[in-house]
Each structure stands twice: as C-alpha cells, then as structure tokens.
C-alpha cells in the first residue's frame, strides 16, 4: 500500500499534496474514530482519515470534508475497506450507524460483547 501511495504521489504530486493537507485538517478537527471513538494516540499513532468515495473514483471531491471520515486503523481496515485494502465500503455511513446503534442498544440493555 505504501508503494502504491508513493507511486501515486510521484504521478500526481499536486493532487497528493492537496489530499494530504485536507486529511491533516480533517484529522485535527475530528481526531477520534467515528465508529469506536478511540483516541488518536491510543496505539501511539494518529487515526487514519478515510475517503468515503476513493480518490480514483471521484478525484473532484477528494479534498472535500464531507468525503472524509476519521477512523482508527482497525475500523479503517474492517469497516472502511472490508478487510481488503483494494476495496471500499460503498455503504460506510449506514454501516457505521448500525454499529453505533448496536453498541448503544447493548450498553442500554446491560449486554456486553
């Protein structure tokens, strides 16, 4: 994945610069994971910023804040990419809402797990 990002940055340096800046601004404004609310330094690193619609699919909205969501690495892998870095969750918002609702319902009922 890092090799892909490096090749993308070499092929499209201006786009990559703008996307990196947009992600940094978003992460500063919303540092916690949108799903599990983990702090950015919980594992000694910043949380990831995920594109709801990938850059290669819609480059015109790559830097828009509405297309970005902060996720911890675990949620990024499991929910944002459905355990495949080359894939992306087309129903990300619905998936995140369902997970949060399930956690909230379990907390209210006293169930754990």
PDB file of N, CA and C in Angstrom:
ATOM      1  N   UNK A   1       0.821  -1.182   0.000  1.00  0.00           N
ATOM      2  CA  UNK A   1       0.000   0.000   0.000  1.00  0.00           C
ATOM      3  C   UNK A   1       0.874   1.257   0.000  1.00  0.00           C
ATOM      4  N   UNK A   2       1.941   1.243   0.751  1.00  0.00           N
ATOM      5  CA  UNK A   2       2.817   2.416   0.779  1.00  0.00           C
ATOM      6  C   UNK A   2       3.458   2.647  -0.578  1.00  0.00           C
ATOM      7  N   UNK A   3       3.790   1.558  -1.279  1.00  0.00           N
ATOM      8  CA  UNK A   3       4.370   1.684  -2.608  1.00  0.00           C
ATOM      9  C   UNK A   3       3.361   2.329  -3.549  1.00  0.00           C
ATOM     10  N   UNK A   4       2.098   1.907  -3.456  1.00  0.00           N
ATOM     11  CA  UNK A   4       1.047   2.495  -4.278  1.00  0.00           C
ATOM     12  C   UNK A   4       0.913   3.989  -4.006  1.00  0.00           C
ATOM     13  N   UNK A   5       0.941   4.364  -2.734  1.00  0.00           N
ATOM     14  CA  UNK A   5       0.817   5.785  -2.372  1.00  0.00           C
ATOM     15  C   UNK A   5       2.000   6.576  -2.904  1.00  0.00           C
ATOM     16  N   UNK A   6       3.199   6.011  -2.811  1.00  0.00           N
ATOM     17  CA  UNK A   6       4.386   6.686  -3.317  1.00  0.00           C
ATOM     18  C   UNK A   6       4.289   6.866  -4.831  1.00  0.00           C
ATOM     19  N   UNK A   7       3.873   5.820  -5.536  1.00  0.00           N
ATOM     20  CA  UNK A   7       3.726   5.917  -6.988  1.00  0.00           C
ATOM     21  C   UNK A   7       2.647   6.938  -7.362  1.00  0.00           C
ATOM     22  N   UNK A   8       1.557   6.956  -6.591  1.00  0.00           N
ATOM     23  CA  UNK A   8       0.501   7.944  -6.826  1.00  0.00           C
ATOM     24  C   UNK A   8       1.001   9.359  -6.604  1.00  0.00           C
ATOM     25  N   UNK A   9       1.808   9.543  -5.566  1.00  0.00           N
ATOM     26  CA  UNK A   9       2.356  10.873  -5.270  1.00  0.00           C
ATOM     27  C   UNK A   9       3.317  11.323  -6.364  1.00  0.00           C
ATOM     28  N   UNK A  10       4.084  10.385  -6.910  1.00  0.00           N
ATOM     29  CA  UNK A  10       5.002  10.738  -7.992  1.00  0.00           C
ATOM     30  C   UNK A  10       4.239  11.055  -9.281  1.00  0.00           C
ATOM     31  N   UNK A  11       3.136  10.334  -9.519  1.00  0.00           N
ATOM     32  CA  UNK A  11       2.359  10.547 -10.733  1.00  0.00           C
ATOM     33  C   UNK A  11       1.501  11.806 -10.647  1.00  0.00           C
ATOM     34  N   UNK A  12       0.993  12.098  -9.453  1.00  0.00           N
ATOM     35  CA  UNK A  12       0.091  13.239  -9.261  1.00  0.00           C
ATOM     36  C   UNK A  12       0.500  14.031  -8.016  1.00  0.00           C
ATOM     37  N   UNK A  13       1.658  14.691  -8.051  1.00  0.00           N
ATOM     38  CA  UNK A  13       2.172  15.339  -6.833  1.00  0.00           C
ATOM     39  C   UNK A  13       1.276  16.444  -6.292  1.00  0.00           C
ATOM     40  N   UNK A  14       0.654  17.232  -7.159  1.00  0.00           N
ATOM     41  CA  UNK A  14      -0.173  18.333  -6.681  1.00  0.00           C
ATOM     42  C   UNK A  14      -1.436  17.795  -6.017  1.00  0.00           C
ATOM     43  N   UNK A  15      -2.065  16.797  -6.640  1.00  0.00           N
ATOM     44  CA  UNK A  15      -3.264  16.185  -6.060  1.00  0.00           C
ATOM     45  C   UNK A  15      -2.932  15.549  -4.717  1.00  0.00           C
ATOM     46  N   UNK A  16      -1.840  14.814  -4.650  1.00  0.00           N
ATOM     47  CA  UNK A  16      -1.450  14.143  -3.411  1.00  0.00           C
ATOM     48  C   UNK A  16      -1.169  15.166  -2.311  1.00  0.00           C
ATOM     49  N   UNK A  17      -0.552  16.286  -2.668  1.00  0.00           N
ATOM     50  CA  UNK A  17      -0.283  17.343  -1.694  1.00  0.00           C
ATOM     51  C   UNK A  17      -1.597  17.895  -1.138  1.00  0.00           C
ATOM     52  N   UNK A  18      -2.546  18.197  -2.003  1.00  0.00           N
ATOM     53  CA  UNK A  18      -3.828  18.752  -1.560  1.00  0.00           C
ATOM     54  C   UNK A  18      -4.618  17.749  -0.724  1.00  0.00           C
ATOM     55  N   UNK A  19      -4.585  16.485  -1.120  1.00  0.00           N
ATOM     56  CA  UNK A  19      -5.288  15.447  -0.356  1.00  0.00           C
ATOM     57  C   UNK A  19      -4.653  15.295   1.023  1.00  0.00           C
ATOM     58  N   UNK A  20      -3.328  15.295   1.094  1.00  0.00           N
ATOM     59  CA  UNK A  20      -2.635  15.181   2.388  1.00  0.00           C
ATOM     60  C   UNK A  20      -2.981  16.343   3.302  1.00  0.00           C
ATOM     61  N   UNK A  21      -3.026  17.551   2.746  1.00  0.00           N
ATOM     62  CA  UNK A  21      -3.384  18.723   3.546  1.00  0.00           C
ATOM     63  C   UNK A  21      -4.834  18.641   4.032  1.00  0.00           C
ATOM     64  N   UNK A  22      -5.740  18.194   3.165  1.00  0.00           N
ATOM     65  CA  UNK A  22      -7.149  18.060   3.540  1.00  0.00           C
ATOM     66  C   UNK A  22      -7.310  17.030   4.653  1.00  0.00           C
ATOM     67  N   UNK A  23      -6.580  15.914   4.548  1.00  0.00           N
ATOM     68  CA  UNK A  23      -6.640  14.881   5.589  1.00  0.00           C
ATOM     69  C   UNK A  23      -6.102  15.415   6.913  1.00  0.00           C
ATOM     70  N   UNK A  24      -5.017  16.171   6.868  1.00  0.00           N
ATOM     71  CA  UNK A  24      -4.444  16.730   8.098  1.00  0.00           C
ATOM     72  C   UNK A  24      -5.424  17.698   8.763  1.00  0.00           C
ATOM     73  N   UNK A  25      -6.075  18.551   7.972  1.00  0.00           N
ATOM     74  CA  UNK A  25      -7.088  19.471   8.518  1.00  0.00           C
ATOM     75  C   UNK A  25      -8.248  18.702   9.129  1.00  0.00           C
ATOM     76  N   UNK A  26      -8.702  17.667   8.431  1.00  0.00           N
ATOM     77  CA  UNK A  26      -9.837  16.881   8.931  1.00  0.00           C
ATOM     78  C   UNK A  26      -9.461  16.179  10.246  1.00  0.00           C
ATOM     79  N   UNK A  27      -8.275  15.562  10.274  1.00  0.00           N
ATOM     80  CA  UNK A  27      -7.826  14.843  11.468  1.00  0.00           C
ATOM     81  C   UNK A  27      -7.697  15.780  12.666  1.00  0.00           C
ATOM     82  N   UNK A  28      -7.279  17.010  12.415  1.00  0.00           N
ATOM     83  CA  UNK A  28      -7.148  17.983  13.501  1.00  0.00           C
ATOM     84  C   UNK A  28      -8.518  18.360  14.059  1.00  0.00           C
ATOM     85  N   UNK A  29      -9.507  18.501  13.188  1.00  0.00           N
ATOM     86  CA  UNK A  29     -10.856  18.864  13.626  1.00  0.00           C
ATOM     87  C   UNK A  29     -11.646  17.710  14.215  1.00  0.00           C
ATOM     88  N   UNK A  30     -11.381  16.503  13.724  1.00  0.00           N
ATOM     89  CA  UNK A  30     -12.091  15.304  14.198  1.00  0.00           C
ATOM     90  C   UNK A  30     -11.063  14.202  14.481  1.00  0.00           C
ATOM     91  N   UNK A  31     -10.387  14.257  15.628  1.00  0.00           N
ATOM     92  CA  UNK A  31      -9.297  13.318  15.904  1.00  0.00           C
ATOM     93  C   UNK A  31      -9.744  11.917  16.333  1.00  0.00           C
ATOM     94  N   UNK A  32     -10.988  11.769  16.803  1.00  0.00           N
ATOM     95  CA  UNK A  32     -11.441  10.475  17.308  1.00  0.00           C
ATOM     96  C   UNK A  32     -12.054   9.629  16.203  1.00  0.00           C
ATOM     97  N   UNK A  33     -11.946   8.314  16.342  1.00  0.00           N
ATOM     98  CA  UNK A  33     -12.545   7.383  15.388  1.00  0.00           C
ATOM     99  C   UNK A  33     -14.061   7.591  15.379  1.00  0.00           C
ATOM    100  N   UNK A  34     -14.646   7.690  14.193  1.00  0.00           N
ATOM    101  CA  UNK A  34     -16.084   7.935  14.049  1.00  0.00           C
ATOM    102  C   UNK A  34     -16.920   6.723  14.444  1.00  0.00           C
ATOM    103  N   UNK A  35     -16.315   5.553  14.554  1.00  0.00           N
ATOM    104  CA  UNK A  35     -17.051   4.343  14.915  1.00  0.00           C
ATOM    105  C   UNK A  35     -16.879   4.007  16.390  1.00  0.00           C
ATOM    106  N   UNK A  36     -15.641   3.821  16.825  1.00  0.00           N
ATOM    107  CA  UNK A  36     -15.406   3.321  18.186  1.00  0.00           C
ATOM    108  C   UNK A  36     -14.901   4.408  19.147  1.00  0.00           C
ATOM    109  N   UNK A  37     -14.694   5.604  18.652  1.00  0.00           N
ATOM    110  CA  UNK A  37     -14.287   6.762  19.457  1.00  0.00           C
ATOM    111  C   UNK A  37     -12.933   6.589  20.128  1.00  0.00           C
ATOM    112  N   UNK A  38     -12.064   5.763  19.584  1.00  0.00           N
ATOM    113  CA  UNK A  38     -10.713   5.597  20.134  1.00  0.00           C
ATOM    114  C   UNK A  38      -9.942   6.891  19.955  1.00  0.00           C
ATOM    115  N   UNK A  39      -9.149   7.221  20.964  1.00  0.00           N
ATOM    116  CA  UNK A  39      -8.306   8.412  20.916  1.00  0.00           C
ATOM    117  C   UNK A  39      -7.207   8.218  19.872  1.00  0.00           C
ATOM    118  N   UNK A  40      -6.724   9.304  19.286  1.00  0.00           N
ATOM    119  CA  UNK A  40      -5.714   9.181  18.239  1.00  0.00           C
ATOM    120  C   UNK A  40      -4.398   8.594  18.697  1.00  0.00           C
ATOM    121  N   UNK A  41      -4.046   8.702  19.954  1.00  0.00           N
ATOM    122  CA  UNK A  41      -2.753   8.181  20.402  1.00  0.00           C
ATOM    123  C   UNK A  41      -2.900   6.894  21.204  1.00  0.00           C
ATOM    124  N   UNK A  42      -4.041   6.242  21.120  1.00  0.00           N
ATOM    125  CA  UNK A  42      -4.279   5.024  21.888  1.00  0.00           C
ATOM    126  C   UNK A  42      -3.197   3.974  21.609  1.00  0.00           C
ATOM    127  N   UNK A  43      -2.832   3.786  20.346  1.00  0.00           N
ATOM    128  CA  UNK A  43      -1.789   2.829  19.985  1.00  0.00           C
ATOM    129  C   UNK A  43      -0.506   3.538  19.581  1.00  0.00           C
ATOM    130  N   UNK A  44      -0.362   4.807  19.966  1.00  0.00           N
ATOM    131  CA  UNK A  44       0.865   5.529  19.677  1.00  0.00           C
ATOM    132  C   UNK A  44       0.923   6.108  18.280  1.00  0.00           C
ATOM    133  N   UNK A  45      -0.240   6.278  17.641  1.00  0.00           N
ATOM    134  CA  UNK A  45      -0.247   6.852  16.298  1.00  0.00           C
ATOM    135  C   UNK A  45      -1.536   7.624  16.089  1.00  0.00           C
ATOM    136  N   UNK A  46      -1.543   8.442  15.061  1.00  0.00           N
ATOM    137  CA  UNK A  46      -2.762   9.161  14.712  1.00  0.00           C
ATOM    138  C   UNK A  46      -3.770   8.205  14.092  1.00  0.00           C
ATOM    139  N   UNK A  47      -5.037   8.545  14.190  1.00  0.00           N
ATOM    140  CA  UNK A  47      -6.053   7.778  13.492  1.00  0.00           C
ATOM    141  C   UNK A  47      -5.958   8.079  11.995  1.00  0.00           C
ATOM    142  N   UNK A  48      -6.486   7.182  11.177  1.00  0.00           N
ATOM    143  CA  UNK A  48      -6.474   7.348   9.732  1.00  0.00           C
ATOM    144  C   UNK A  48      -7.621   8.254   9.301  1.00  0.00           C
ATOM    145  N   UNK A  49      -7.467   8.866   8.157  1.00  0.00           N
ATOM    146  CA  UNK A  49      -8.566   9.605   7.530  1.00  0.00           C
ATOM    147  C   UNK A  49      -8.910   8.845   6.258  1.00  0.00           C
ATOM    148  N   UNK A  50     -10.151   8.399   6.195  1.00  0.00           N
ATOM    149  CA  UNK A  50     -10.627   7.546   5.103  1.00  0.00           C
ATOM    150  C   UNK A  50     -11.512   8.359   4.155  1.00  0.00           C
ATOM    151  N   UNK A  51     -11.379   8.102   2.861  1.00  0.00           N
ATOM    152  CA  UNK A  51     -12.269   8.706   1.872  1.00  0.00           C
ATOM    153  C   UNK A  51     -13.529   7.857   1.755  1.00  0.00           C
ATOM    154  N   UNK A  52     -14.689   8.477   1.903  1.00  0.00           N
ATOM    155  CA  UNK A  52     -15.945   7.745   1.702  1.00  0.00           C
ATOM    156  C   UNK A  52     -16.012   7.238   0.260  1.00  0.00           C
ATOM    157  N   UNK A  53     -15.647   8.093  -0.673  1.00  0.00           N
ATOM    158  CA  UNK A  53     -15.529   7.717  -2.087  1.00  0.00           C
ATOM    159  C   UNK A  53     -14.055   7.906  -2.451  1.00  0.00           C
ATOM    160  N   UNK A  54     -13.367   6.842  -2.882  1.00  0.00           N
ATOM    161  CA  UNK A  54     -11.926   6.930  -3.136  1.00  0.00           C
ATOM    162  C   UNK A  54     -11.547   7.985  -4.169  1.00  0.00           C
ATOM    163  N   UNK A  55     -10.312   8.435  -4.076  1.00  0.00           N
ATOM    164  CA  UNK A  55      -9.798   9.467  -4.967  1.00  0.00           C
ATOM    165  C   UNK A  55      -9.866   9.004  -6.417  1.00  0.00           C
ATOM    166  N   UNK A  56      -9.527   7.742  -6.679  1.00  0.00           N
ATOM    167  CA  UNK A  56      -9.513   7.270  -8.072  1.00  0.00           C
ATOM    168  C   UNK A  56     -10.927   7.176  -8.668  1.00  0.00           C
ATOM    169  N   UNK A  57     -11.946   7.118  -7.827  1.00  0.00           N
ATOM    170  CA  UNK A  57     -13.331   7.053  -8.309  1.00  0.00           C
ATOM    171  C   UNK A  57     -13.879   8.457  -8.543  1.00  0.00           C
ATOM    172  N   UNK A  58     -13.604   9.373  -7.612  1.00  0.00           N
ATOM    173  CA  UNK A  58     -14.123  10.740  -7.707  1.00  0.00           C
ATOM    174  C   UNK A  58     -13.052  11.740  -7.280  1.00  0.00           C
ATOM    175  N   UNK A  59     -12.071  12.028  -8.145  1.00  0.00           N
ATOM    176  CA  UNK A  59     -10.999  12.947  -7.757  1.00  0.00           C
ATOM    177  C   UNK A  59     -11.478  14.362  -7.461  1.00  0.00           C
ATOM    178  N   UNK A  60     -12.619  14.750  -7.985  1.00  0.00           N
ATOM    179  CA  UNK A  60     -13.135  16.095  -7.772  1.00  0.00           C
ATOM    180  C   UNK A  60     -13.570  16.375  -6.349  1.00  0.00           C
ATOM    181  N   UNK A  61     -13.909  15.324  -5.586  1.00  0.00           N
ATOM    182  CA  UNK A  61     -14.347  15.526  -4.203  1.00  0.00           C
ATOM    183  C   UNK A  61     -13.334  14.982  -3.195  1.00  0.00           C
ATOM    184  N   UNK A  62     -12.124  14.685  -3.665  1.00  0.00           N
ATOM    185  CA  UNK A  62     -11.104  14.075  -2.808  1.00  0.00           C
ATOM    186  C   UNK A  62     -10.750  14.918  -1.600  1.00  0.00           C
ATOM    187  N   UNK A  63     -10.824  16.231  -1.728  1.00  0.00           N
ATOM    188  CA  UNK A  63     -10.419  17.124  -0.645  1.00  0.00           C
ATOM    189  C   UNK A  63     -11.594  17.701   0.132  1.00  0.00           C
ATOM    190  N   UNK A  64     -12.805  17.342  -0.222  1.00  0.00           N
ATOM    191  CA  UNK A  64     -13.973  17.865   0.475  1.00  0.00           C
ATOM    192  C   UNK A  64     -14.132  17.179   1.825  1.00  0.00           C
ATOM    193  N   UNK A  65     -14.395  17.975   2.840  1.00  0.00           N
ATOM    194  CA  UNK A  65     -14.526  17.442   4.197  1.00  0.00           C
ATOM    195  C   UNK A  65     -15.673  16.428   4.308  1.00  0.00           C
ATOM    196  N   UNK A  66     -16.713  16.607   3.516  1.00  0.00           N
ATOM    197  CA  UNK A  66     -17.849  15.679   3.560  1.00  0.00           C
ATOM    198  C   UNK A  66     -17.483  14.301   3.027  1.00  0.00           C
ATOM    199  N   UNK A  67     -16.379  14.185   2.300  1.00  0.00           N
ATOM    200  CA  UNK A  67     -15.930  12.899   1.771  1.00  0.00           C
ATOM    201  C   UNK A  67     -14.916  12.225   2.695  1.00  0.00           C
ATOM    202  N   UNK A  68     -14.556  12.870   3.794  1.00  0.00           N
ATOM    203  CA  UNK A  68     -13.549  12.333   4.704  1.00  0.00           C
ATOM    204  C   UNK A  68     -14.171  11.914   6.026  1.00  0.00           C
ATOM    205  N   UNK A  69     -13.634  10.852   6.608  1.00  0.00           N
ATOM    206  CA  UNK A  69     -14.080  10.392   7.921  1.00  0.00           C
ATOM    207  C   UNK A  69     -12.863   9.852   8.660  1.00  0.00           C
ATOM    208  N   UNK A  70     -12.753  10.178   9.945  1.00  0.00           N
ATOM    209  CA  UNK A  70     -11.644   9.696  10.761  1.00  0.00           C
ATOM    210  C   UNK A  70     -11.986   8.316  11.299  1.00  0.00           C
ATOM    211  N   UNK A  71     -11.061   7.375  11.104  1.00  0.00           N
ATOM    212  CA  UNK A  71     -11.234   6.004  11.591  1.00  0.00           C
ATOM    213  C   UNK A  71      -9.927   5.531  12.212  1.00  0.00           C
ATOM    214  N   UNK A  72     -10.019   4.742  13.280  1.00  0.00           N
ATOM    215  CA  UNK A  72      -8.809   4.110  13.811  1.00  0.00           C
ATOM    216  C   UNK A  72      -8.355   3.062  12.793  1.00  0.00           C
ATOM    217  N   UNK A  73      -7.164   2.570  12.928  1.00  0.00           N
ATOM    218  CA  UNK A  73      -6.641   1.615  11.943  1.00  0.00           C
ATOM    219  C   UNK A  73      -7.518   0.362  11.853  1.00  0.00           C
ATOM    220  N   UNK A  74      -8.008  -0.126  12.990  1.00  0.00           N
ATOM    221  CA  UNK A  74      -8.847  -1.323  12.984  1.00  0.00           C
ATOM    222  C   UNK A  74     -10.162  -1.082  12.242  1.00  0.00           C
ATOM    223  N   UNK A  75     -10.836   0.010  12.547  1.00  0.00           N
ATOM    224  CA  UNK A  75     -12.097   0.335  11.864  1.00  0.00           C
ATOM    225  C   UNK A  75     -11.849   0.660  10.393  1.00  0.00           C
ATOM    226  N   UNK A  76     -10.725   1.292  10.095  1.00  0.00           N
ATOM    227  CA  UNK A  76     -10.378   1.600   8.714  1.00  0.00           C
ATOM    228  C   UNK A  76     -10.275   0.311   7.900  1.00  0.00           C
ATOM    229  N   UNK A  77      -9.586  -0.686   8.451  1.00  0.00           N
ATOM    230  CA  UNK A  77      -9.399  -1.968   7.770  1.00  0.00           C
ATOM    231  C   UNK A  77     -10.704  -2.757   7.703  1.00  0.00           C
ATOM    232  N   UNK A  78     -11.387  -2.896   8.848  1.00  0.00           N
ATOM    233  CA  UNK A  78     -12.574  -3.751   8.916  1.00  0.00           C
ATOM    234  C   UNK A  78     -13.820  -3.139   8.297  1.00  0.00           C
ATOM    235  N   UNK A  79     -14.041  -1.848   8.505  1.00  0.00           N
ATOM    236  CA  UNK A  79     -15.281  -1.217   8.069  1.00  0.00           C
ATOM    237  C   UNK A  79     -15.082  -0.403   6.789  1.00  0.00           C
ATOM    238  N   UNK A  80     -14.024   0.382   6.749  1.00  0.00           N
ATOM    239  CA  UNK A  80     -13.784   1.229   5.584  1.00  0.00           C
ATOM    240  C   UNK A  80     -13.390   0.457   4.341  1.00  0.00           C
ATOM    241  N   UNK A  81     -12.603  -0.607   4.519  1.00  0.00           N
ATOM    242  CA  UNK A  81     -12.119  -1.381   3.375  1.00  0.00           C
ATOM    243  C   UNK A  81     -12.592  -2.829   3.394  1.00  0.00           C
ATOM    244  N   UNK A  82     -13.407  -3.209   4.338  1.00  0.00           N
ATOM    245  CA  UNK A  82     -13.971  -4.554   4.429  1.00  0.00           C
ATOM    246  C   UNK A  82     -12.890  -5.643   4.309  1.00  0.00           C
ATOM    247  N   UNK A  83     -11.783  -5.419   5.034  1.00  0.00           N
ATOM    248  CA  UNK A  83     -10.648  -6.336   5.131  1.00  0.00           C
ATOM    249  C   UNK A  83      -9.950  -6.598   3.793  1.00  0.00           C
ATOM    250  N   UNK A  84      -9.958  -5.589   2.940  1.00  0.00           N
ATOM    251  CA  UNK A  84      -9.242  -5.670   1.667  1.00  0.00           C
ATOM    252  C   UNK A  84      -8.872  -4.243   1.271  1.00  0.00           C
ATOM    253  N   UNK A  85      -7.608  -3.880   1.360  1.00  0.00           N
ATOM    254  CA  UNK A  85      -7.189  -2.504   1.111  1.00  0.00           C
ATOM    255  C   UNK A  85      -7.555  -2.033  -0.294  1.00  0.00           C
ATOM    256  N   UNK A  86      -7.782  -2.936  -1.232  1.00  0.00           N
ATOM    257  CA  UNK A  86      -8.129  -2.533  -2.596  1.00  0.00           C
ATOM    258  C   UNK A  86      -9.628  -2.354  -2.783  1.00  0.00           C
ATOM    259  N   UNK A  87     -10.415  -2.618  -1.748  1.00  0.00           N
ATOM    260  CA  UNK A  87     -11.866  -2.478  -1.808  1.00  0.00           C
ATOM    261  C   UNK A  87     -12.288  -1.299  -0.942  1.00  0.00           C
ATOM    262  N   UNK A  88     -13.541  -0.890  -1.024  1.00  0.00           N
ATOM    263  CA  UNK A  88     -14.054   0.183  -0.181  1.00  0.00           C
ATOM    264  C   UNK A  88     -15.531  -0.054   0.077  1.00  0.00           C
ATOM    265  N   UNK A  89     -15.970   0.370   1.246  1.00  0.00           N
ATOM    266  CA  UNK A  89     -17.346   0.165   1.687  1.00  0.00           C
ATOM    267  C   UNK A  89     -18.229   1.261   1.096  1.00  0.00           C
ATOM    268  N   UNK A  90     -19.069   0.879   0.153  1.00  0.00           N
ATOM    269  CA  UNK A  90     -19.947   1.847  -0.508  1.00  0.00           C
ATOM    270  C   UNK A  90     -21.080   2.301   0.401  1.00  0.00           C
ATOM    271  N   UNK A  91     -21.335   1.577   1.482  1.00  0.00           N
ATOM    272  CA  UNK A  91     -22.383   1.909   2.458  1.00  0.00           C
ATOM    273  C   UNK A  91     -21.767   2.257   3.811  1.00  0.00           C
ATOM    274  N   UNK A  92     -20.677   2.990   3.796  1.00  0.00           N
ATOM    275  CA  UNK A  92     -19.921   3.273   5.014  1.00  0.00           C
ATOM    276  C   UNK A  92     -20.769   3.940   6.089  1.00  0.00           C
ATOM    277  N   UNK A  93     -21.518   4.977   5.725  1.00  0.00           N
ATOM    278  CA  UNK A  93     -22.302   5.700   6.727  1.00  0.00           C
ATOM    279  C   UNK A  93     -23.360   4.805   7.363  1.00  0.00           C
ATOM    280  N   UNK A  94     -24.030   3.980   6.560  1.00  0.00           N
ATOM    281  CA  UNK A  94     -25.043   3.067   7.097  1.00  0.00           C
ATOM    282  C   UNK A  94     -24.401   2.011   7.995  1.00  0.00           C
ATOM    283  N   UNK A  95     -23.240   1.510   7.603  1.00  0.00           N
ATOM    284  CA  UNK A  95     -22.528   0.517   8.415  1.00  0.00           C
ATOM    285  C   UNK A  95     -22.108   1.118   9.752  1.00  0.00           C
ATOM    286  N   UNK A  96     -21.552   2.340   9.718  1.00  0.00           N
ATOM    287  CA  UNK A  96     -21.130   2.992  10.961  1.00  0.00           C
ATOM    288  C   UNK A  96     -22.333   3.241  11.871  1.00  0.00           C
ATOM    289  N   UNK A  97     -23.451   3.683  11.306  1.00  0.00           N
ATOM    290  CA  UNK A  97     -24.648   3.946  12.104  1.00  0.00           C
ATOM    291  C   UNK A  97     -25.182   2.662  12.733  1.00  0.00           C
ATOM    292  N   UNK A  98     -25.170   1.569  11.986  1.00  0.00           N
ATOM    293  CA  UNK A  98     -25.659   0.283  12.509  1.00  0.00           C
ATOM    294  C   UNK A  98     -24.778  -0.207  13.655  1.00  0.00           C
ATOM    295  N   UNK A  99     -23.470  -0.060  13.519  1.00  0.00           N
ATOM    296  CA  UNK A  99     -22.552  -0.496  14.579  1.00  0.00           C
ATOM    297  C   UNK A  99     -22.747   0.341  15.838  1.00  0.00           C
ATOM    298  N   UNK A 100     -22.824   1.656  15.672  1.00  0.00           N
ATOM    299  CA  UNK A 100     -23.027   2.525  16.834  1.00  0.00           C
ATOM    300  C   UNK A 100     -24.365   2.232  17.514  1.00  0.00           C
ATOM    301  N   UNK A 101     -25.413   1.971  16.724  1.00  0.00           N
ATOM    302  CA  UNK A 101     -26.726   1.658  17.293  1.00  0.00           C
ATOM    303  C   UNK A 101     -26.665   0.348  18.073  1.00  0.00           C
ATOM    304  N   UNK A 102     -25.996  -0.659  17.524  1.00  0.00           N
ATOM    305  CA  UNK A 102     -25.870  -1.942  18.217  1.00  0.00           C
ATOM    306  C   UNK A 102     -25.116  -1.775  19.534  1.00  0.00           C
ATOM    307  N   UNK A 103     -24.037  -1.001  19.521  1.00  0.00           N
ATOM    308  CA  UNK A 103     -23.280  -0.773  20.757  1.00  0.00           C
ATOM    309  C   UNK A 103     -24.111  -0.017  21.777  1.00  0.00           C
ATOM    310  N   UNK A 104     -24.853   0.994  21.330  1.00  0.00           N
ATOM    311  CA  UNK A 104     -25.693   1.775  22.226  1.00  0.00           C
ATOM    312  C   UNK A 104     -26.806   0.906  22.814  1.00  0.00           C
ATOM    313  N   UNK A 105     -27.443   0.089  21.968  1.00  0.00           N
ATOM    314  CA  UNK A 105     -28.509  -0.800  22.447  1.00  0.00           C
ATOM    315  C   UNK A 105     -27.975  -1.811  23.460  1.00  0.00           C
ATOM    316  N   UNK A 106     -26.784  -2.365  23.180  1.00  0.00           N
ATOM    317  CA  UNK A 106     -26.180  -3.315  24.119  1.00  0.00           C
ATOM    318  C   UNK A 106     -25.831  -2.649  25.445  1.00  0.00           C
ATOM    319  N   UNK A 107     -25.342  -1.414  25.376  1.00  0.00           N
ATOM    320  CA  UNK A 107     -24.985  -0.700  26.607  1.00  0.00           C
ATOM    321  C   UNK A 107     -26.240  -0.408  27.432  1.00  0.00           C
ATOM    322  N   UNK A 108     -27.329  -0.049  26.773  1.00  0.00           N
ATOM    323  CA  UNK A 108     -28.578   0.255  27.484  1.00  0.00           C
ATOM    324  C   UNK A 108     -29.172  -0.994  28.121  1.00  0.00           C
ATOM    325  N   UNK A 109     -29.027  -2.144  27.435  1.00  0.00           N
ATOM    326  CA  UNK A 109     -29.616  -3.377  27.962  1.00  0.00           C
ATOM    327  C   UNK A 109     -28.692  -4.083  28.945  1.00  0.00           C
ATOM    328  N   UNK A 110     -27.463  -3.605  29.070  1.00  0.00           N
ATOM    329  CA  UNK A 110     -26.513  -4.203  30.007  1.00  0.00           C
ATOM    330  C   UNK A 110     -25.765  -5.387  29.435  1.00  0.00           C
ATOM    331  N   UNK A 111     -25.935  -5.657  28.129  1.00  0.00           N
ATOM    332  CA  UNK A 111     -25.235  -6.765  27.472  1.00  0.00           C
ATOM    333  C   UNK A 111     -23.831  -6.312  27.086  1.00  0.00           C
ATOM    334  N   UNK A 112     -22.907  -7.227  27.100  1.00  0.00           N
ATOM    335  CA  UNK A 112     -21.530  -6.939  26.703  1.00  0.00           C
ATOM    336  C   UNK A 112     -21.134  -7.912  25.613  1.00  0.00           C
ATOM    337  N   UNK A 113     -20.255  -7.436  24.684  1.00  0.00           N
ATOM    338  CA  UNK A 113     -19.755  -8.328  23.656  1.00  0.00           C
ATOM    339  C   UNK A 113     -20.197  -8.046  22.339  1.00  0.00           C
TER     340      UNK A 113
END
